[in-house]
Amino acid sequence: MGWGFIRPERDQLPGSCKDYFSVARWVDMSNHHEGVTWASVEAPLVSLGGLVDERRHNEGPSGWKTQAASSPLLYSWVMNNYWHTNYKADQEGTSSFQYAFRPHSGFEAVRAYRFGVETNQPLLVRQIEPSAPRPSLPFAFTSAAVSITTVTRAADGDALLVRLYNPSPQRSSCEIAAAVPSLRLYESSVSGERGRGIAGSIEMGPFEIRMVRCETSR
């Protein structure tokens, strides 16, 4: 699903795999009152409700699951030897897998998204000289839902490209406030071309992605 999320069974196309699911960052299991968000770093495959394999039994080989009903039971496939293949089905040595859990009340898409990103992309710490200038951005960002996913230098070198993402199924807004008087904001393509100017808050639709070009005069 790239930037969004799916609800097993409800959001799947007919014929989709129900045996296991590929997870980008997180899985949430909850009802209307409480739940748990689960985040994985190294193990991207999960099964819901029960495991399925291809072992033969009295009625013949096991079949694929035809339903993926909601369940509070989650299995993590740390290594997948599900398919009959022409390579070794096991691996020697020690492997480490990291998981994180966040209990919560009702499901909130924004909190689940941010928890998954924080688990998979932790802060990087590096040593600097005390006298070195501190890096800073020419703007301040505020939003209850919208997140900044990347800040990169434009190809022409004259601006910063900020990619915004609304991880919520509802409309939301954000504001990029200038930290320097000369900052100007423009709509942009992914390659950095300058579009229309932006003033005030930025309105974004459900799961919308938007590029903003931030320029400062020299």
N, C-alpha and C. Protein backbone atom coordinates (compact mmCIF):
# COMPACT_ATOMS: atom_id res chain seq x y z
N MET A 1 0.81 -1.22 0.00
CA MET A 1 0.00 0.00 0.00
C MET A 1 0.84 1.27 0.00
N GLY A 2 2.15 1.13 -0.01
CA GLY A 2 3.01 2.31 -0.10
C GLY A 2 2.83 3.25 1.07
N TRP A 3 1.96 4.26 0.93
CA TRP A 3 1.80 5.29 1.96
C TRP A 3 0.59 5.06 2.86
N GLY A 4 -0.32 4.23 2.44
CA GLY A 4 -1.54 4.05 3.23
C GLY A 4 -1.48 2.81 4.10
N PHE A 5 -2.63 2.31 4.50
CA PHE A 5 -2.71 1.06 5.24
C PHE A 5 -3.95 0.31 4.77
N ILE A 6 -3.97 -1.00 4.98
CA ILE A 6 -5.13 -1.79 4.58
C ILE A 6 -5.75 -2.47 5.79
N ARG A 7 -7.03 -2.76 5.67
CA ARG A 7 -7.73 -3.60 6.64
C ARG A 7 -7.91 -4.95 5.97
N PRO A 8 -7.28 -6.00 6.53
CA PRO A 8 -7.38 -7.32 5.90
C PRO A 8 -8.83 -7.68 5.58
N GLU A 9 -9.02 -8.28 4.44
CA GLU A 9 -10.31 -8.70 3.91
C GLU A 9 -11.09 -7.53 3.34
N ARG A 10 -11.27 -6.45 4.09
CA ARG A 10 -12.12 -5.35 3.66
C ARG A 10 -11.50 -4.55 2.51
N ASP A 11 -10.16 -4.41 2.52
CA ASP A 11 -9.49 -3.58 1.52
C ASP A 11 -8.70 -4.38 0.50
N GLN A 12 -8.88 -5.70 0.46
CA GLN A 12 -8.12 -6.54 -0.47
C GLN A 12 -8.91 -6.83 -1.74
N LEU A 13 -8.18 -6.93 -2.84
CA LEU A 13 -8.80 -7.32 -4.09
C LEU A 13 -9.11 -8.82 -4.07
N PRO A 14 -10.13 -9.27 -4.80
CA PRO A 14 -10.41 -10.71 -4.88
C PRO A 14 -9.20 -11.48 -5.38
N GLY A 15 -8.90 -12.59 -4.73
CA GLY A 15 -7.75 -13.39 -5.11
C GLY A 15 -6.46 -13.00 -4.42
N SER A 16 -6.50 -11.97 -3.55
CA SER A 16 -5.29 -11.56 -2.84
C SER A 16 -4.86 -12.63 -1.85
N CYS A 17 -3.58 -12.62 -1.52
CA CYS A 17 -3.04 -13.58 -0.55
C CYS A 17 -3.61 -13.30 0.83
N LYS A 18 -4.06 -14.34 1.50
CA LYS A 18 -4.59 -14.23 2.87
C LYS A 18 -3.70 -14.98 3.87
N ASP A 19 -2.73 -15.75 3.36
CA ASP A 19 -1.88 -16.55 4.25
C ASP A 19 -0.99 -15.67 5.11
N TYR A 20 -0.42 -14.63 4.52
CA TYR A 20 0.40 -13.69 5.28
C TYR A 20 0.41 -12.35 4.58
N PHE A 21 0.89 -11.33 5.29
CA PHE A 21 0.87 -9.96 4.80
C PHE A 21 2.26 -9.35 4.91
N SER A 22 2.61 -8.51 3.95
CA SER A 22 3.87 -7.76 4.00
C SER A 22 3.64 -6.46 4.76
N VAL A 23 4.46 -6.21 5.76
CA VAL A 23 4.30 -5.06 6.64
C VAL A 23 5.42 -4.06 6.38
N ALA A 24 5.06 -2.83 6.09
CA ALA A 24 6.08 -1.80 5.90
C ALA A 24 6.67 -1.37 7.24
N ARG A 25 5.80 -1.06 8.21
CA ARG A 25 6.31 -0.59 9.51
C ARG A 25 5.50 -1.08 10.70
N TRP A 26 4.19 -1.19 10.56
CA TRP A 26 3.39 -1.46 11.76
C TRP A 26 2.14 -2.26 11.45
N VAL A 27 1.61 -2.89 12.50
CA VAL A 27 0.30 -3.55 12.48
C VAL A 27 -0.44 -3.08 13.72
N ASP A 28 -1.72 -2.79 13.58
CA ASP A 28 -2.51 -2.38 14.74
C ASP A 28 -3.66 -3.35 14.94
N MET A 29 -3.82 -3.79 16.18
CA MET A 29 -4.93 -4.68 16.57
C MET A 29 -5.72 -3.96 17.66
N SER A 30 -6.95 -3.60 17.36
CA SER A 30 -7.71 -2.82 18.32
C SER A 30 -9.20 -2.95 18.07
N ASN A 31 -9.98 -2.64 19.10
CA ASN A 31 -11.42 -2.46 18.94
C ASN A 31 -11.72 -0.98 19.13
N HIS A 32 -12.95 -0.63 19.47
CA HIS A 32 -13.31 0.78 19.59
C HIS A 32 -12.77 1.41 20.87
N HIS A 33 -12.28 0.59 21.80
CA HIS A 33 -11.90 1.11 23.11
C HIS A 33 -10.42 0.99 23.42
N GLU A 34 -9.76 -0.06 22.93
CA GLU A 34 -8.37 -0.27 23.29
C GLU A 34 -7.68 -1.12 22.22
N GLY A 35 -6.35 -1.10 22.25
CA GLY A 35 -5.61 -1.89 21.28
C GLY A 35 -4.12 -1.80 21.49
N VAL A 36 -3.37 -2.41 20.56
CA VAL A 36 -1.91 -2.42 20.61
C VAL A 36 -1.40 -2.19 19.19
N THR A 37 -0.43 -1.29 19.03
CA THR A 37 0.27 -1.13 17.78
C THR A 37 1.60 -1.87 17.88
N TRP A 38 1.88 -2.71 16.90
CA TRP A 38 3.09 -3.55 16.86
C TRP A 38 3.95 -3.09 15.70
N ALA A 39 5.23 -2.84 15.97
CA ALA A 39 6.15 -2.39 14.93
C ALA A 39 7.31 -3.36 14.83
N SER A 40 7.69 -3.69 13.61
CA SER A 40 8.80 -4.60 13.36
C SER A 40 9.86 -3.90 12.54
N VAL A 41 11.13 -4.21 12.81
CA VAL A 41 12.24 -3.61 12.07
C VAL A 41 12.77 -4.57 11.02
N GLU A 42 13.04 -5.83 11.40
CA GLU A 42 13.68 -6.76 10.47
C GLU A 42 12.75 -7.82 9.90
N ALA A 43 11.58 -8.04 10.48
CA ALA A 43 10.71 -9.13 10.05
C ALA A 43 9.42 -8.57 9.45
N PRO A 44 9.31 -8.50 8.11
CA PRO A 44 8.19 -7.81 7.49
C PRO A 44 6.98 -8.67 7.17
N LEU A 45 6.97 -9.97 7.51
CA LEU A 45 5.83 -10.83 7.19
C LEU A 45 5.07 -11.22 8.44
N VAL A 46 3.74 -11.15 8.38
CA VAL A 46 2.90 -11.56 9.51
C VAL A 46 1.73 -12.39 9.01
N SER A 47 1.23 -13.23 9.90
CA SER A 47 -0.01 -13.98 9.66
C SER A 47 -1.00 -13.63 10.75
N LEU A 48 -2.27 -13.61 10.40
CA LEU A 48 -3.32 -13.26 11.35
C LEU A 48 -4.14 -14.49 11.70
N GLY A 49 -4.41 -14.67 12.98
CA GLY A 49 -5.33 -15.71 13.43
C GLY A 49 -4.76 -17.10 13.51
N GLY A 50 -3.86 -17.48 12.62
CA GLY A 50 -3.29 -18.82 12.62
C GLY A 50 -2.28 -18.97 11.50
N LEU A 51 -1.48 -20.03 11.61
CA LEU A 51 -0.45 -20.29 10.61
C LEU A 51 -0.94 -21.32 9.60
N VAL A 52 -0.47 -21.18 8.37
CA VAL A 52 -0.79 -22.12 7.30
C VAL A 52 0.52 -22.58 6.69
N ASP A 53 0.62 -23.87 6.39
CA ASP A 53 1.80 -24.37 5.71
C ASP A 53 1.36 -25.36 4.63
N GLU A 54 2.31 -26.00 3.96
CA GLU A 54 1.99 -26.89 2.86
C GLU A 54 2.22 -28.36 3.20
N ARG A 55 2.22 -28.69 4.49
CA ARG A 55 2.38 -30.09 4.87
C ARG A 55 1.16 -30.90 4.43
N ARG A 56 1.41 -32.10 4.00
CA ARG A 56 0.32 -32.98 3.59
C ARG A 56 -0.34 -33.62 4.81
N HIS A 57 -1.63 -33.91 4.68
CA HIS A 57 -2.36 -34.62 5.72
C HIS A 57 -3.29 -35.60 5.04
N ASN A 58 -4.19 -36.21 5.78
CA ASN A 58 -5.01 -37.29 5.23
C ASN A 58 -5.87 -36.83 4.05
N GLU A 59 -6.24 -35.57 4.02
CA GLU A 59 -7.08 -35.05 2.94
C GLU A 59 -6.26 -34.47 1.80
N GLY A 60 -4.95 -34.59 1.85
CA GLY A 60 -4.12 -34.02 0.79
C GLY A 60 -3.35 -32.82 1.30
N PRO A 61 -2.68 -32.09 0.42
CA PRO A 61 -1.89 -30.93 0.86
C PRO A 61 -2.78 -29.81 1.39
N SER A 62 -2.24 -29.09 2.34
CA SER A 62 -2.97 -27.95 2.90
C SER A 62 -3.22 -26.91 1.82
N GLY A 63 -4.37 -26.29 1.87
CA GLY A 63 -4.70 -25.25 0.90
C GLY A 63 -4.40 -23.87 1.43
N TRP A 64 -4.50 -22.89 0.57
CA TRP A 64 -4.29 -21.51 0.98
C TRP A 64 -5.51 -21.01 1.75
N LYS A 65 -5.28 -20.05 2.63
CA LYS A 65 -6.38 -19.46 3.38
C LYS A 65 -7.28 -18.66 2.44
N THR A 66 -8.55 -18.78 2.63
CA THR A 66 -9.52 -18.05 1.81
C THR A 66 -10.10 -16.84 2.53
N GLN A 67 -9.80 -16.72 3.84
CA GLN A 67 -10.29 -15.59 4.62
C GLN A 67 -9.18 -15.10 5.54
N ALA A 68 -9.21 -13.83 5.83
CA ALA A 68 -8.28 -13.22 6.78
C ALA A 68 -9.08 -12.37 7.74
N ALA A 69 -9.89 -13.04 8.53
CA ALA A 69 -10.77 -12.33 9.45
C ALA A 69 -9.96 -11.63 10.53
N SER A 70 -10.53 -10.58 11.11
CA SER A 70 -9.86 -9.87 12.20
C SER A 70 -9.58 -10.81 13.35
N SER A 71 -8.45 -10.63 14.00
CA SER A 71 -8.04 -11.51 15.09
C SER A 71 -7.08 -10.77 16.00
N PRO A 72 -7.11 -11.06 17.31
CA PRO A 72 -6.11 -10.49 18.22
C PRO A 72 -4.82 -11.30 18.23
N LEU A 73 -4.76 -12.35 17.41
CA LEU A 73 -3.58 -13.21 17.37
C LEU A 73 -2.73 -12.89 16.15
N LEU A 74 -1.48 -12.57 16.38
CA LEU A 74 -0.56 -12.16 15.31
C LEU A 74 0.69 -13.03 15.36
N TYR A 75 1.07 -13.59 14.21
CA TYR A 75 2.29 -14.37 14.11
C TYR A 75 3.29 -13.60 13.25
N SER A 76 4.54 -13.55 13.71
CA SER A 76 5.60 -12.92 12.93
C SER A 76 6.45 -14.01 12.28
N TRP A 77 6.53 -13.96 10.95
CA TRP A 77 7.42 -14.87 10.23
C TRP A 77 8.81 -14.24 10.23
N VAL A 78 9.69 -14.69 11.12
CA VAL A 78 11.03 -14.10 11.14
C VAL A 78 11.84 -14.55 9.93
N MET A 79 11.61 -15.78 9.47
CA MET A 79 12.19 -16.26 8.23
C MET A 79 11.15 -17.11 7.54
N ASN A 80 10.94 -16.90 6.27
CA ASN A 80 9.85 -17.56 5.56
C ASN A 80 10.37 -18.74 4.76
N ASN A 81 10.06 -19.96 5.22
CA ASN A 81 10.37 -21.16 4.43
C ASN A 81 9.07 -21.82 3.96
N TYR A 82 8.10 -20.96 3.69
CA TYR A 82 6.76 -21.43 3.32
C TYR A 82 6.77 -22.19 2.01
N TRP A 83 7.44 -21.64 1.00
CA TRP A 83 7.35 -22.21 -0.34
C TRP A 83 8.36 -23.33 -0.54
N HIS A 84 7.98 -24.33 -1.37
CA HIS A 84 8.91 -25.37 -1.78
C HIS A 84 9.86 -24.76 -2.81
N THR A 85 11.12 -24.66 -2.45
CA THR A 85 12.09 -24.01 -3.34
C THR A 85 13.33 -24.88 -3.44
N ASN A 86 14.28 -24.42 -4.24
CA ASN A 86 15.48 -25.20 -4.48
C ASN A 86 16.67 -24.71 -3.66
N TYR A 87 16.41 -24.06 -2.52
CA TYR A 87 17.51 -23.66 -1.65
C TYR A 87 17.23 -24.14 -0.23
N LYS A 88 18.26 -24.07 0.60
CA LYS A 88 18.21 -24.60 1.95
C LYS A 88 17.09 -23.93 2.76
N ALA A 89 16.33 -24.73 3.49
CA ALA A 89 15.15 -24.21 4.18
C ALA A 89 15.46 -23.74 5.59
N ASP A 90 16.71 -23.82 6.03
CA ASP A 90 17.04 -23.31 7.35
C ASP A 90 18.38 -22.57 7.27
N GLN A 91 18.69 -21.84 8.32
CA GLN A 91 19.88 -21.01 8.34
C GLN A 91 20.55 -21.12 9.70
N GLU A 92 21.86 -21.36 9.70
CA GLU A 92 22.61 -21.49 10.94
C GLU A 92 22.97 -20.13 11.52
N GLY A 93 23.37 -20.13 12.78
CA GLY A 93 23.84 -18.91 13.42
C GLY A 93 22.75 -18.18 14.17
N THR A 94 23.13 -17.06 14.74
CA THR A 94 22.22 -16.26 15.56
C THR A 94 21.70 -15.07 14.76
N SER A 95 20.42 -14.83 14.84
CA SER A 95 19.79 -13.67 14.19
C SER A 95 19.02 -12.88 15.24
N SER A 96 19.07 -11.57 15.13
CA SER A 96 18.37 -10.70 16.08
C SER A 96 17.21 -9.99 15.39
N PHE A 97 16.10 -9.89 16.08
CA PHE A 97 14.92 -9.22 15.55
C PHE A 97 14.38 -8.26 16.60
N GLN A 98 14.03 -7.06 16.16
CA GLN A 98 13.56 -6.03 17.07
C GLN A 98 12.06 -5.77 16.86
N TYR A 99 11.35 -5.70 17.97
CA TYR A 99 9.92 -5.37 17.93
C TYR A 99 9.63 -4.28 18.95
N ALA A 100 8.60 -3.52 18.71
CA ALA A 100 8.17 -2.50 19.65
C ALA A 100 6.64 -2.56 19.75
N PHE A 101 6.13 -2.28 20.95
CA PHE A 101 4.69 -2.36 21.21
C PHE A 101 4.22 -1.06 21.87
N ARG A 102 3.05 -0.60 21.45
CA ARG A 102 2.47 0.61 22.06
C ARG A 102 1.01 0.37 22.38
N PRO A 103 0.67 0.11 23.65
CA PRO A 103 -0.75 0.01 24.03
C PRO A 103 -1.42 1.37 23.88
N HIS A 104 -2.69 1.37 23.53
CA HIS A 104 -3.39 2.64 23.34
C HIS A 104 -4.88 2.43 23.54
N SER A 105 -5.63 3.51 23.43
CA SER A 105 -7.09 3.42 23.46
C SER A 105 -7.56 3.09 22.06
N GLY A 106 -8.56 3.77 21.53
CA GLY A 106 -9.03 3.48 20.18
C GLY A 106 -7.97 3.75 19.12
N PHE A 107 -8.13 3.14 17.94
CA PHE A 107 -7.14 3.27 16.87
C PHE A 107 -7.06 4.70 16.35
N GLU A 108 -5.84 5.20 16.20
CA GLU A 108 -5.58 6.50 15.59
C GLU A 108 -4.50 6.30 14.53
N ALA A 109 -4.83 6.55 13.28
CA ALA A 109 -3.91 6.31 12.18
C ALA A 109 -2.63 7.13 12.31
N VAL A 110 -2.75 8.38 12.76
CA VAL A 110 -1.58 9.25 12.86
C VAL A 110 -0.59 8.70 13.88
N ARG A 111 -1.07 8.29 15.04
CA ARG A 111 -0.17 7.77 16.08
C ARG A 111 0.46 6.46 15.65
N ALA A 112 -0.30 5.62 14.97
CA ALA A 112 0.26 4.35 14.49
C ALA A 112 1.36 4.62 13.48
N TYR A 113 1.13 5.54 12.55
CA TYR A 113 2.14 5.88 11.55
C TYR A 113 3.40 6.41 12.20
N ARG A 114 3.26 7.37 13.10
CA ARG A 114 4.44 7.97 13.73
C ARG A 114 5.19 6.97 14.58
N PHE A 115 4.48 6.08 15.28
CA PHE A 115 5.14 5.04 16.07
C PHE A 115 5.95 4.11 15.17
N GLY A 116 5.37 3.74 14.03
CA GLY A 116 6.09 2.87 13.11
C GLY A 116 7.33 3.52 12.54
N VAL A 117 7.23 4.80 12.18
CA VAL A 117 8.39 5.51 11.63
C VAL A 117 9.46 5.69 12.70
N GLU A 118 9.07 6.07 13.91
CA GLU A 118 10.04 6.27 14.98
C GLU A 118 10.78 4.98 15.32
N THR A 119 10.09 3.84 15.23
CA THR A 119 10.73 2.57 15.52
C THR A 119 11.71 2.18 14.42
N ASN A 120 11.35 2.43 13.17
CA ASN A 120 12.18 2.01 12.05
C ASN A 120 13.25 3.05 11.67
N GLN A 121 13.05 4.30 12.05
CA GLN A 121 14.01 5.35 11.72
C GLN A 121 14.36 6.14 12.98
N PRO A 122 15.07 5.52 13.92
CA PRO A 122 15.41 6.23 15.17
C PRO A 122 16.36 7.38 14.91
N LEU A 123 16.44 8.29 15.88
CA LEU A 123 17.34 9.42 15.77
C LEU A 123 18.78 8.94 15.65
N LEU A 124 19.55 9.60 14.80
CA LEU A 124 20.97 9.30 14.65
C LEU A 124 21.77 10.27 15.50
N VAL A 125 22.72 9.76 16.24
CA VAL A 125 23.54 10.58 17.13
C VAL A 125 24.97 10.59 16.60
N ARG A 126 25.55 11.77 16.48
CA ARG A 126 26.95 11.85 16.08
C ARG A 126 27.64 12.94 16.89
N GLN A 127 28.94 12.78 17.06
CA GLN A 127 29.73 13.71 17.85
C GLN A 127 30.18 14.89 17.00
N ILE A 128 30.09 16.08 17.56
CA ILE A 128 30.54 17.28 16.86
C ILE A 128 31.41 18.10 17.80
N GLU A 129 32.13 19.03 17.23
CA GLU A 129 32.94 19.94 18.02
C GLU A 129 32.03 20.96 18.73
N PRO A 130 32.29 21.24 20.00
CA PRO A 130 31.44 22.22 20.71
C PRO A 130 31.37 23.57 20.02
N SER A 131 32.44 23.94 19.33
CA SER A 131 32.46 25.26 18.69
C SER A 131 31.80 25.27 17.31
N ALA A 132 31.43 24.08 16.80
CA ALA A 132 30.83 24.01 15.46
C ALA A 132 29.44 24.63 15.47
N PRO A 133 29.05 25.32 14.40
CA PRO A 133 27.69 25.90 14.35
C PRO A 133 26.63 24.80 14.32
N ARG A 134 25.57 25.04 15.01
CA ARG A 134 24.49 24.06 15.07
C ARG A 134 23.66 24.11 13.79
N PRO A 135 23.39 22.95 13.20
CA PRO A 135 22.54 22.95 12.00
C PRO A 135 21.12 23.35 12.35
N SER A 136 20.47 24.03 11.44
CA SER A 136 19.09 24.47 11.69
C SER A 136 18.37 24.60 10.36
N LEU A 137 17.06 24.60 10.44
CA LEU A 137 16.22 24.80 9.27
C LEU A 137 15.69 26.23 9.26
N PRO A 138 15.37 26.75 8.09
CA PRO A 138 14.89 28.14 8.02
C PRO A 138 13.40 28.27 8.32
N PHE A 139 12.80 27.23 8.88
CA PHE A 139 11.36 27.28 9.17
C PHE A 139 11.05 26.45 10.40
N ALA A 140 9.85 26.69 10.94
CA ALA A 140 9.28 25.87 12.02
C ALA A 140 8.02 25.22 11.50
N PHE A 141 7.77 23.99 11.90
CA PHE A 141 6.65 23.22 11.36
C PHE A 141 5.71 22.84 12.49
N THR A 142 4.41 23.01 12.27
CA THR A 142 3.40 22.62 13.25
C THR A 142 2.23 21.93 12.56
N SER A 143 1.78 20.83 13.14
CA SER A 143 0.59 20.13 12.65
C SER A 143 0.21 19.06 13.64
N ALA A 144 -1.10 18.81 13.75
CA ALA A 144 -1.58 17.74 14.60
C ALA A 144 -1.50 16.38 13.91
N ALA A 145 -1.44 16.37 12.59
CA ALA A 145 -1.47 15.10 11.87
C ALA A 145 -0.40 15.00 10.79
N VAL A 146 -0.25 16.04 9.98
CA VAL A 146 0.68 15.99 8.85
C VAL A 146 2.12 15.85 9.36
N SER A 147 2.91 15.04 8.65
CA SER A 147 4.31 14.82 9.00
C SER A 147 5.23 15.23 7.86
N ILE A 148 6.43 15.65 8.20
CA ILE A 148 7.49 15.85 7.21
C ILE A 148 8.23 14.53 7.06
N THR A 149 8.27 13.99 5.85
CA THR A 149 8.94 12.72 5.64
C THR A 149 10.38 12.88 5.15
N THR A 150 10.66 13.93 4.39
CA THR A 150 12.03 14.21 3.94
C THR A 150 12.24 15.70 3.79
N VAL A 151 13.48 16.14 3.99
CA VAL A 151 13.93 17.49 3.65
C VAL A 151 15.22 17.32 2.86
N THR A 152 15.20 17.71 1.59
CA THR A 152 16.37 17.52 0.72
C THR A 152 16.70 18.82 0.00
N ARG A 153 17.93 18.90 -0.47
CA ARG A 153 18.34 20.06 -1.25
C ARG A 153 17.84 19.89 -2.68
N ALA A 154 17.26 20.97 -3.23
CA ALA A 154 16.80 20.93 -4.62
C ALA A 154 17.98 20.75 -5.56
N ALA A 155 17.71 20.18 -6.73
CA ALA A 155 18.78 19.91 -7.69
C ALA A 155 19.49 21.17 -8.13
N ASP A 156 18.76 22.29 -8.18
CA ASP A 156 19.41 23.54 -8.59
C ASP A 156 20.20 24.19 -7.46
N GLY A 157 20.09 23.63 -6.24
CA GLY A 157 20.86 24.13 -5.11
C GLY A 157 20.35 25.39 -4.48
N ASP A 158 19.21 25.89 -4.94
CA ASP A 158 18.72 27.17 -4.46
C ASP A 158 17.56 27.06 -3.48
N ALA A 159 17.21 25.87 -3.07
CA ALA A 159 16.05 25.71 -2.20
C ALA A 159 16.10 24.36 -1.49
N LEU A 160 15.24 24.24 -0.47
CA LEU A 160 15.01 22.96 0.19
C LEU A 160 13.66 22.43 -0.27
N LEU A 161 13.59 21.12 -0.53
CA LEU A 161 12.34 20.47 -0.88
C LEU A 161 11.83 19.70 0.33
N VAL A 162 10.63 20.02 0.75
CA VAL A 162 10.02 19.40 1.92
C VAL A 162 8.86 18.54 1.45
N ARG A 163 8.90 17.26 1.79
CA ARG A 163 7.81 16.37 1.42
C ARG A 163 6.89 16.19 2.62
N LEU A 164 5.61 16.51 2.43
CA LEU A 164 4.59 16.42 3.47
C LEU A 164 3.70 15.22 3.22
N TYR A 165 3.24 14.62 4.30
CA TYR A 165 2.33 13.46 4.18
C TYR A 165 1.29 13.52 5.27
N ASN A 166 0.05 13.34 4.87
CA ASN A 166 -1.06 13.26 5.84
C ASN A 166 -1.42 11.78 6.01
N PRO A 167 -1.02 11.13 7.11
CA PRO A 167 -1.29 9.71 7.30
C PRO A 167 -2.69 9.41 7.80
N SER A 168 -3.54 10.41 7.84
CA SER A 168 -4.87 10.25 8.40
C SER A 168 -5.92 10.06 7.31
N PRO A 169 -6.98 9.29 7.59
CA PRO A 169 -8.09 9.18 6.63
C PRO A 169 -9.00 10.40 6.64
N GLN A 170 -8.65 11.44 7.39
CA GLN A 170 -9.41 12.69 7.40
C GLN A 170 -8.54 13.83 6.85
N ARG A 171 -9.18 14.88 6.42
CA ARG A 171 -8.45 16.07 5.98
C ARG A 171 -7.72 16.67 7.18
N SER A 172 -6.56 17.28 6.90
CA SER A 172 -5.80 17.92 7.97
C SER A 172 -5.03 19.10 7.38
N SER A 173 -4.37 19.83 8.23
CA SER A 173 -3.63 21.01 7.78
C SER A 173 -2.32 21.11 8.53
N CYS A 174 -1.42 21.91 8.00
CA CYS A 174 -0.15 22.16 8.66
C CYS A 174 0.28 23.58 8.34
N GLU A 175 1.30 24.04 9.05
CA GLU A 175 1.81 25.39 8.81
C GLU A 175 3.32 25.36 8.85
N ILE A 176 3.94 25.97 7.86
CA ILE A 176 5.39 26.14 7.81
C ILE A 176 5.66 27.61 8.05
N ALA A 177 6.17 27.92 9.24
CA ALA A 177 6.40 29.32 9.62
C ALA A 177 7.86 29.67 9.40
N ALA A 178 8.10 30.84 8.84
CA ALA A 178 9.46 31.27 8.52
C ALA A 178 10.25 31.53 9.79
N ALA A 179 11.46 30.96 9.85
CA ALA A 179 12.40 31.28 10.92
C ALA A 179 13.38 32.36 10.50
N VAL A 180 13.37 32.68 9.21
CA VAL A 180 14.18 33.78 8.67
C VAL A 180 13.26 34.66 7.82
N PRO A 181 13.45 35.97 7.81
CA PRO A 181 12.51 36.87 7.11
C PRO A 181 12.42 36.61 5.61
N SER A 182 13.47 36.10 5.00
CA SER A 182 13.51 35.97 3.55
C SER A 182 12.90 34.68 3.01
N LEU A 183 12.33 33.84 3.89
CA LEU A 183 11.81 32.55 3.42
C LEU A 183 10.55 32.73 2.57
N ARG A 184 10.50 32.01 1.45
CA ARG A 184 9.34 31.99 0.57
C ARG A 184 8.98 30.54 0.27
N LEU A 185 7.69 30.24 0.26
CA LEU A 185 7.21 28.88 0.05
C LEU A 185 6.47 28.79 -1.28
N TYR A 186 6.71 27.67 -1.98
CA TYR A 186 6.05 27.45 -3.27
C TYR A 186 5.63 25.99 -3.38
N GLU A 187 4.53 25.75 -4.09
CA GLU A 187 4.20 24.39 -4.47
C GLU A 187 5.31 23.86 -5.38
N SER A 188 5.52 22.54 -5.37
CA SER A 188 6.63 22.00 -6.15
C SER A 188 6.29 20.60 -6.63
N SER A 189 6.96 20.19 -7.70
CA SER A 189 6.93 18.80 -8.14
C SER A 189 8.02 18.04 -7.39
N VAL A 190 8.08 16.72 -7.59
CA VAL A 190 9.09 15.92 -6.91
C VAL A 190 10.50 16.28 -7.38
N SER A 191 10.61 16.86 -8.58
CA SER A 191 11.92 17.23 -9.09
C SER A 191 12.32 18.66 -8.72
N GLY A 192 11.42 19.38 -8.04
CA GLY A 192 11.80 20.69 -7.50
C GLY A 192 11.39 21.91 -8.28
N GLU A 193 10.59 21.76 -9.35
CA GLU A 193 10.18 22.95 -10.10
C GLU A 193 9.28 23.84 -9.24
N ARG A 194 9.48 25.14 -9.34
CA ARG A 194 8.69 26.09 -8.57
C ARG A 194 7.30 26.24 -9.15
N GLY A 195 6.29 26.15 -8.27
CA GLY A 195 4.91 26.34 -8.68
C GLY A 195 4.34 27.61 -8.07
N ARG A 196 3.07 27.57 -7.73
CA ARG A 196 2.42 28.73 -7.15
C ARG A 196 2.92 28.98 -5.73
N GLY A 197 2.87 30.24 -5.33
CA GLY A 197 3.28 30.59 -3.98
C GLY A 197 2.30 30.09 -2.94
N ILE A 198 2.79 29.85 -1.73
CA ILE A 198 1.96 29.36 -0.63
C ILE A 198 1.98 30.40 0.47
N ALA A 199 0.78 30.72 0.96
CA ALA A 199 0.66 31.65 2.08
C ALA A 199 -0.34 31.07 3.07
N GLY A 200 -0.02 31.11 4.35
CA GLY A 200 -0.93 30.58 5.36
C GLY A 200 -0.80 29.08 5.52
N SER A 201 -1.83 28.47 6.08
CA SER A 201 -1.80 27.04 6.36
C SER A 201 -1.95 26.24 5.06
N ILE A 202 -1.46 25.02 5.08
CA ILE A 202 -1.52 24.12 3.93
C ILE A 202 -2.55 23.05 4.22
N GLU A 203 -3.60 22.99 3.41
CA GLU A 203 -4.66 22.00 3.59
C GLU A 203 -4.32 20.74 2.80
N MET A 204 -4.51 19.57 3.43
CA MET A 204 -4.17 18.31 2.78
C MET A 204 -5.30 17.31 2.96
N GLY A 205 -5.58 16.56 1.88
CA GLY A 205 -6.62 15.54 1.93
C GLY A 205 -6.14 14.27 2.59
N PRO A 206 -7.04 13.31 2.79
CA PRO A 206 -6.65 12.04 3.40
C PRO A 206 -5.53 11.36 2.62
N PHE A 207 -4.47 10.96 3.30
CA PHE A 207 -3.32 10.25 2.74
C PHE A 207 -2.62 11.02 1.62
N GLU A 208 -2.82 12.31 1.57
CA GLU A 208 -2.21 13.10 0.50
C GLU A 208 -0.72 13.33 0.75
N ILE A 209 0.06 13.37 -0.33
CA ILE A 209 1.47 13.71 -0.31
C ILE A 209 1.66 15.00 -1.09
N ARG A 210 2.46 15.91 -0.55
CA ARG A 210 2.66 17.19 -1.23
C ARG A 210 4.12 17.62 -1.06
N MET A 211 4.65 18.23 -2.13
CA MET A 211 6.00 18.77 -2.10
C MET A 211 5.94 20.29 -1.98
N VAL A 212 6.79 20.83 -1.11
CA VAL A 212 6.87 22.28 -0.90
C VAL A 212 8.32 22.71 -1.12
N ARG A 213 8.49 23.76 -1.90
CA ARG A 213 9.82 24.32 -2.16
C ARG A 213 10.02 25.53 -1.24
N CYS A 214 11.09 25.49 -0.45
CA CYS A 214 11.39 26.56 0.49
C CYS A 214 12.63 27.31 0.01
N GLU A 215 12.46 28.57 -0.32
CA GLU A 215 13.57 29.39 -0.83
C GLU A 215 13.88 30.52 0.15
N THR A 216 15.14 30.84 0.25
CA THR A 216 15.57 32.01 0.99
C THR A 216 16.44 32.87 0.08
N SER A 217 16.21 34.16 0.09
CA SER A 217 17.00 35.07 -0.75
C SER A 217 18.37 35.28 -0.14
N ARG A 218 19.35 35.50 -0.98
CA ARG A 218 20.72 35.68 -0.52
C ARG A 218 21.08 37.16 -0.46
